[in-house]
Amino acid sequence: MISEFAKHACSLEAMNLFEEMQQMGMHRDEVHLCMVDKGRSYFKLMTGEQNVSPNVLHYSCMVDSP
């Protein structure tokens, strides 16, 4: 659900859900962790080596990343 909120620029909803899950003691699964790490590396490549200035859509995709 968090990923879908992020994809649709609903960052507040994504952050609220993530915080609720943390309070309940829920954690990401391994598959999701791998995807977060991959997404983070793409973001760093985009902003670093490719010199692309991120916009709100890029940041909303990163909202799930710890």
PDB file of N, CA and C in Angstrom:
ATOM      1  N   MET A   1       0.824  -1.194   0.000  1.00  0.00           N
ATOM      2  CA  MET A   1       0.000   0.000   0.000  1.00  0.00           C
ATOM      3  C   MET A   1       0.867   1.256   0.000  1.00  0.00           C
ATOM      4  N   ILE A   2       1.956   1.211   0.739  1.00  0.00           N
ATOM      5  CA  ILE A   2       2.828   2.372   0.806  1.00  0.00           C
ATOM      6  C   ILE A   2       3.379   2.696  -0.583  1.00  0.00           C
ATOM      7  N   SER A   3       3.787   1.680  -1.301  1.00  0.00           N
ATOM      8  CA  SER A   3       4.326   1.899  -2.654  1.00  0.00           C
ATOM      9  C   SER A   3       3.289   2.540  -3.560  1.00  0.00           C
ATOM     10  N   GLU A   4       2.055   2.094  -3.461  1.00  0.00           N
ATOM     11  CA  GLU A   4       0.995   2.656  -4.308  1.00  0.00           C
ATOM     12  C   GLU A   4       0.699   4.097  -3.925  1.00  0.00           C
ATOM     13  N   PHE A   5       0.669   4.399  -2.633  1.00  0.00           N
ATOM     14  CA  PHE A   5       0.497   5.791  -2.224  1.00  0.00           C
ATOM     15  C   PHE A   5       1.613   6.642  -2.824  1.00  0.00           C
ATOM     16  N   ALA A   6       2.847   6.168  -2.728  1.00  0.00           N
ATOM     17  CA  ALA A   6       3.990   6.916  -3.240  1.00  0.00           C
ATOM     18  C   ALA A   6       3.900   7.106  -4.752  1.00  0.00           C
ATOM     19  N   LYS A   7       3.498   6.057  -5.466  1.00  0.00           N
ATOM     20  CA  LYS A   7       3.385   6.142  -6.924  1.00  0.00           C
ATOM     21  C   LYS A   7       2.389   7.210  -7.362  1.00  0.00           C
ATOM     22  N   HIS A   8       1.365   7.428  -6.527  1.00  0.00           N
ATOM     23  CA  HIS A   8       0.295   8.356  -6.882  1.00  0.00           C
ATOM     24  C   HIS A   8       0.419   9.686  -6.151  1.00  0.00           C
ATOM     25  N   ALA A   9       1.646  10.005  -5.719  1.00  0.00           N
ATOM     26  CA  ALA A   9       1.964  11.286  -5.077  1.00  0.00           C
ATOM     27  C   ALA A   9       1.122  11.547  -3.831  1.00  0.00           C
ATOM     28  N   CYS A  10       0.819  10.489  -3.105  1.00  0.00           N
ATOM     29  CA  CYS A  10       0.089  10.610  -1.828  1.00  0.00           C
ATOM     30  C   CYS A  10       1.086  10.395  -0.693  1.00  0.00           C
ATOM     31  N   SER A  11       2.071  11.272  -0.633  1.00  0.00           N
ATOM     32  CA  SER A  11       3.173  11.069   0.307  1.00  0.00           C
ATOM     33  C   SER A  11       2.730  11.124   1.762  1.00  0.00           C
ATOM     34  N   LEU A  12       1.797  11.992   2.113  1.00  0.00           N
ATOM     35  CA  LEU A  12       1.334  12.076   3.497  1.00  0.00           C
ATOM     36  C   LEU A  12       0.685  10.759   3.930  1.00  0.00           C
ATOM     37  N   GLU A  13      -0.139  10.205   3.064  1.00  0.00           N
ATOM     38  CA  GLU A  13      -0.782   8.924   3.366  1.00  0.00           C
ATOM     39  C   GLU A  13       0.259   7.821   3.512  1.00  0.00           C
ATOM     40  N   ALA A  14       1.262   7.826   2.637  1.00  0.00           N
ATOM     41  CA  ALA A  14       2.322   6.817   2.699  1.00  0.00           C
ATOM     42  C   ALA A  14       3.101   6.922   4.003  1.00  0.00           C
ATOM     43  N   MET A  15       3.452   8.139   4.380  1.00  0.00           N
ATOM     44  CA  MET A  15       4.206   8.329   5.626  1.00  0.00           C
ATOM     45  C   MET A  15       3.377   7.940   6.840  1.00  0.00           C
ATOM     46  N   ASN A  16       2.088   8.315   6.849  1.00  0.00           N
ATOM     47  CA  ASN A  16       1.218   7.950   7.971  1.00  0.00           C
ATOM     48  C   ASN A  16       1.092   6.436   8.107  1.00  0.00           C
ATOM     49  N   LEU A  17       0.902   5.751   6.992  1.00  0.00           N
ATOM     50  CA  LEU A  17       0.789   4.298   7.025  1.00  0.00           C
ATOM     51  C   LEU A  17       2.087   3.663   7.508  1.00  0.00           C
ATOM     52  N   PHE A  18       3.210   4.162   7.034  1.00  0.00           N
ATOM     53  CA  PHE A  18       4.498   3.639   7.464  1.00  0.00           C
ATOM     54  C   PHE A  18       4.665   3.809   8.973  1.00  0.00           C
ATOM     55  N   GLU A  19       4.322   4.992   9.500  1.00  0.00           N
ATOM     56  CA  GLU A  19       4.432   5.232  10.938  1.00  0.00           C
ATOM     57  C   GLU A  19       3.504   4.321  11.732  1.00  0.00           C
ATOM     58  N   GLU A  20       2.282   4.116  11.235  1.00  0.00           N
ATOM     59  CA  GLU A  20       1.347   3.204  11.901  1.00  0.00           C
ATOM     60  C   GLU A  20       1.917   1.788  11.940  1.00  0.00           C
ATOM     61  N   MET A  21       2.513   1.352  10.836  1.00  0.00           N
ATOM     62  CA  MET A  21       3.089   0.011  10.788  1.00  0.00           C
ATOM     63  C   MET A  21       4.247  -0.115  11.775  1.00  0.00           C
ATOM     64  N   GLN A  22       5.061   0.927  11.893  1.00  0.00           N
ATOM     65  CA  GLN A  22       6.166   0.906  12.844  1.00  0.00           C
ATOM     66  C   GLN A  22       5.641   0.791  14.272  1.00  0.00           C
ATOM     67  N   GLN A  23       4.590   1.532  14.588  1.00  0.00           N
ATOM     68  CA  GLN A  23       4.001   1.494  15.926  1.00  0.00           C
ATOM     69  C   GLN A  23       3.419   0.124  16.240  1.00  0.00           C
ATOM     70  N   MET A  24       2.947  -0.568  15.220  1.00  0.00           N
ATOM     71  CA  MET A  24       2.375  -1.908  15.405  1.00  0.00           C
ATOM     72  C   MET A  24       3.454  -2.986  15.420  1.00  0.00           C
ATOM     73  N   GLY A  25       4.699  -2.598  15.175  1.00  0.00           N
ATOM     74  CA  GLY A  25       5.793  -3.563  15.158  1.00  0.00           C
ATOM     75  C   GLY A  25       5.952  -4.305  13.850  1.00  0.00           C
ATOM     76  N   MET A  26       5.314  -3.823  12.798  1.00  0.00           N
ATOM     77  CA  MET A  26       5.422  -4.472  11.492  1.00  0.00           C
ATOM     78  C   MET A  26       6.674  -3.987  10.782  1.00  0.00           C
ATOM     79  N   HIS A  27       7.284  -4.869  10.010  1.00  0.00           N
ATOM     80  CA  HIS A  27       8.502  -4.546   9.279  1.00  0.00           C
ATOM     81  C   HIS A  27       8.374  -5.003   7.838  1.00  0.00           C
ATOM     82  N   ARG A  28       9.211  -4.429   6.973  1.00  0.00           N
ATOM     83  CA  ARG A  28       9.210  -4.824   5.565  1.00  0.00           C
ATOM     84  C   ARG A  28       9.711  -6.242   5.411  1.00  0.00           C
ATOM     85  N   ASP A  29       9.308  -6.862   4.324  1.00  0.00           N
ATOM     86  CA  ASP A  29       9.843  -8.185   4.027  1.00  0.00           C
ATOM     87  C   ASP A  29      11.124  -8.038   3.220  1.00  0.00           C
ATOM     88  N   GLU A  30      11.837  -9.131   3.047  1.00  0.00           N
ATOM     89  CA  GLU A  30      13.122  -9.111   2.349  1.00  0.00           C
ATOM     90  C   GLU A  30      13.012  -8.645   0.913  1.00  0.00           C
ATOM     91  N   VAL A  31      11.969  -9.076   0.219  1.00  0.00           N
ATOM     92  CA  VAL A  31      11.802  -8.698  -1.187  1.00  0.00           C
ATOM     93  C   VAL A  31      11.654  -7.194  -1.284  1.00  0.00           C
ATOM     94  N   HIS A  32      10.840  -6.631  -0.405  1.00  0.00           N
ATOM     95  CA  HIS A  32      10.615  -5.188  -0.425  1.00  0.00           C
ATOM     96  C   HIS A  32      11.906  -4.449  -0.098  1.00  0.00           C
ATOM     97  N   LEU A  33      12.658  -4.944   0.850  1.00  0.00           N
ATOM     98  CA  LEU A  33      13.919  -4.315   1.223  1.00  0.00           C
ATOM     99  C   LEU A  33      14.851  -4.244   0.018  1.00  0.00           C
ATOM    100  N   CYS A  34      14.911  -5.321  -0.728  1.00  0.00           N
ATOM    101  CA  CYS A  34      15.759  -5.360  -1.921  1.00  0.00           C
ATOM    102  C   CYS A  34      15.318  -4.294  -2.913  1.00  0.00           C
ATOM    103  N   MET A  35      14.019  -4.126  -3.090  1.00  0.00           N
ATOM    104  CA  MET A  35      13.502  -3.139  -4.024  1.00  0.00           C
ATOM    105  C   MET A  35      13.791  -1.720  -3.538  1.00  0.00           C
ATOM    106  N   VAL A  36      13.714  -1.502  -2.232  1.00  0.00           N
ATOM    107  CA  VAL A  36      14.015  -0.182  -1.684  1.00  0.00           C
ATOM    108  C   VAL A  36      15.479   0.154  -1.937  1.00  0.00           C
ATOM    109  N   ASP A  37      16.354  -0.808  -1.682  1.00  0.00           N
ATOM    110  CA  ASP A  37      17.780  -0.585  -1.921  1.00  0.00           C
ATOM    111  C   ASP A  37      18.054  -0.279  -3.390  1.00  0.00           C
ATOM    112  N   LYS A  38      17.386  -1.003  -4.274  1.00  0.00           N
ATOM    113  CA  LYS A  38      17.566  -0.787  -5.719  1.00  0.00           C
ATOM    114  C   LYS A  38      17.055   0.603  -6.106  1.00  0.00           C
ATOM    115  N   GLY A  39      15.890   0.981  -5.601  1.00  0.00           N
ATOM    116  CA  GLY A  39      15.329   2.292  -5.888  1.00  0.00           C
ATOM    117  C   GLY A  39      16.216   3.418  -5.382  1.00  0.00           C
ATOM    118  N   ARG A  40      16.771   3.212  -4.196  1.00  0.00           N
ATOM    119  CA  ARG A  40      17.667   4.209  -3.620  1.00  0.00           C
ATOM    120  C   ARG A  40      18.919   4.377  -4.489  1.00  0.00           C
ATOM    121  N   SER A  41      19.425   3.260  -5.017  1.00  0.00           N
ATOM    122  CA  SER A  41      20.618   3.353  -5.870  1.00  0.00           C
ATOM    123  C   SER A  41      20.300   4.078  -7.174  1.00  0.00           C
ATOM    124  N   TYR A  42      19.100   3.851  -7.737  1.00  0.00           N
ATOM    125  CA  TYR A  42      18.698   4.569  -8.947  1.00  0.00           C
ATOM    126  C   TYR A  42      18.562   6.065  -8.666  1.00  0.00           C
ATOM    127  N   PHE A  43      17.995   6.395  -7.520  1.00  0.00           N
ATOM    128  CA  PHE A  43      17.825   7.799  -7.157  1.00  0.00           C
ATOM    129  C   PHE A  43      19.184   8.488  -7.035  1.00  0.00           C
ATOM    130  N   LYS A  44      20.134   7.807  -6.372  1.00  0.00           N
ATOM    131  CA  LYS A  44      21.479   8.370  -6.228  1.00  0.00           C
ATOM    132  C   LYS A  44      22.167   8.526  -7.588  1.00  0.00           C
ATOM    133  N   LEU A  45      21.977   7.559  -8.471  1.00  0.00           N
ATOM    134  CA  LEU A  45      22.544   7.636  -9.817  1.00  0.00           C
ATOM    135  C   LEU A  45      21.944   8.821 -10.577  1.00  0.00           C
ATOM    136  N   MET A  46      20.632   8.962 -10.473  1.00  0.00           N
ATOM    137  CA  MET A  46      19.931  10.027 -11.171  1.00  0.00           C
ATOM    138  C   MET A  46      20.396  11.396 -10.684  1.00  0.00           C
ATOM    139  N   THR A  47      20.472  11.576  -9.366  1.00  0.00           N
ATOM    140  CA  THR A  47      20.817  12.887  -8.823  1.00  0.00           C
ATOM    141  C   THR A  47      22.315  13.161  -8.843  1.00  0.00           C
ATOM    142  N   GLY A  48      23.113  12.102  -8.766  1.00  0.00           N
ATOM    143  CA  GLY A  48      24.561  12.275  -8.726  1.00  0.00           C
ATOM    144  C   GLY A  48      25.189  12.283 -10.103  1.00  0.00           C
ATOM    145  N   GLU A  49      25.315  11.110 -10.677  1.00  0.00           N
ATOM    146  CA  GLU A  49      26.021  10.970 -11.951  1.00  0.00           C
ATOM    147  C   GLU A  49      25.274  11.590 -13.131  1.00  0.00           C
ATOM    148  N   GLN A  50      23.950  11.496 -13.121  1.00  0.00           N
ATOM    149  CA  GLN A  50      23.168  12.010 -14.249  1.00  0.00           C
ATOM    150  C   GLN A  50      22.798  13.481 -14.073  1.00  0.00           C
ATOM    151  N   ASN A  51      23.008  14.020 -12.865  1.00  0.00           N
ATOM    152  CA  ASN A  51      22.757  15.430 -12.562  1.00  0.00           C
ATOM    153  C   ASN A  51      21.322  15.859 -12.870  1.00  0.00           C
ATOM    154  N   VAL A  52      20.356  14.991 -12.563  1.00  0.00           N
ATOM    155  CA  VAL A  52      18.941  15.305 -12.744  1.00  0.00           C
ATOM    156  C   VAL A  52      18.413  15.875 -11.433  1.00  0.00           C
ATOM    157  N   SER A  53      17.746  17.021 -11.505  1.00  0.00           N
ATOM    158  CA  SER A  53      17.149  17.612 -10.309  1.00  0.00           C
ATOM    159  C   SER A  53      15.828  16.903 -10.019  1.00  0.00           C
ATOM    160  N   PRO A  54      15.713  16.267  -8.857  1.00  0.00           N
ATOM    161  CA  PRO A  54      14.477  15.542  -8.541  1.00  0.00           C
ATOM    162  C   PRO A  54      13.305  16.497  -8.319  1.00  0.00           C
ATOM    163  N   ASN A  55      12.123  16.020  -8.670  1.00  0.00           N
ATOM    164  CA  ASN A  55      10.913  16.797  -8.420  1.00  0.00           C
ATOM    165  C   ASN A  55      10.052  16.046  -7.405  1.00  0.00           C
ATOM    166  N   VAL A  56       8.864  16.546  -7.150  1.00  0.00           N
ATOM    167  CA  VAL A  56       7.998  15.958  -6.127  1.00  0.00           C
ATOM    168  C   VAL A  56       7.662  14.493  -6.429  1.00  0.00           C
ATOM    169  N   LEU A  57       7.547  14.135  -7.680  1.00  0.00           N
ATOM    170  CA  LEU A  57       7.244  12.746  -8.031  1.00  0.00           C
ATOM    171  C   LEU A  57       8.411  11.820  -7.687  1.00  0.00           C
ATOM    172  N   HIS A  58       9.638  12.295  -7.915  1.00  0.00           N
ATOM    173  CA  HIS A  58      10.799  11.486  -7.566  1.00  0.00           C
ATOM    174  C   HIS A  58      10.848  11.273  -6.044  1.00  0.00           C
ATOM    175  N   TYR A  59      10.630  12.366  -5.302  1.00  0.00           N
ATOM    176  CA  TYR A  59      10.684  12.256  -3.842  1.00  0.00           C
ATOM    177  C   TYR A  59       9.548  11.399  -3.302  1.00  0.00           C
ATOM    178  N   SER A  60       8.379  11.459  -3.940  1.00  0.00           N
ATOM    179  CA  SER A  60       7.264  10.634  -3.454  1.00  0.00           C
ATOM    180  C   SER A  60       7.571   9.152  -3.626  1.00  0.00           C
ATOM    181  N   CYS A  61       8.375   8.811  -4.613  1.00  0.00           N
ATOM    182  CA  CYS A  61       8.788   7.418  -4.779  1.00  0.00           C
ATOM    183  C   CYS A  61       9.769   6.986  -3.703  1.00  0.00           C
ATOM    184  N   MET A  62      10.457   7.952  -3.097  1.00  0.00           N
ATOM    185  CA  MET A  62      11.438   7.647  -2.069  1.00  0.00           C
ATOM    186  C   MET A  62      10.849   7.649  -0.665  1.00  0.00           C
ATOM    187  N   VAL A  63       9.588   7.999  -0.520  1.00  0.00           N
ATOM    188  CA  VAL A  63       8.980   8.156   0.796  1.00  0.00           C
ATOM    189  C   VAL A  63       8.983   6.854   1.592  1.00  0.00           C
ATOM    190  N   ASP A  64       8.987   5.741   0.914  1.00  0.00           N
ATOM    191  CA  ASP A  64       8.985   4.441   1.580  1.00  0.00           C
ATOM    192  C   ASP A  64      10.370   4.014   2.044  1.00  0.00           C
ATOM    193  N   SER A  65      11.367   4.688   1.591  1.00  0.00           N
ATOM    194  CA  SER A  65      12.736   4.328   1.902  1.00  0.00           C
ATOM    195  C   SER A  65      13.135   4.844   3.275  1.00  0.00           C
ATOM    196  N   PRO A  66      13.661   3.972   4.146  1.00  0.00           N
ATOM    197  CA  PRO A  66      14.030   4.419   5.488  1.00  0.00           C
ATOM    198  C   PRO A  66      15.277   5.271   5.493  1.00  0.00           C
TER     199      PRO A  66
END
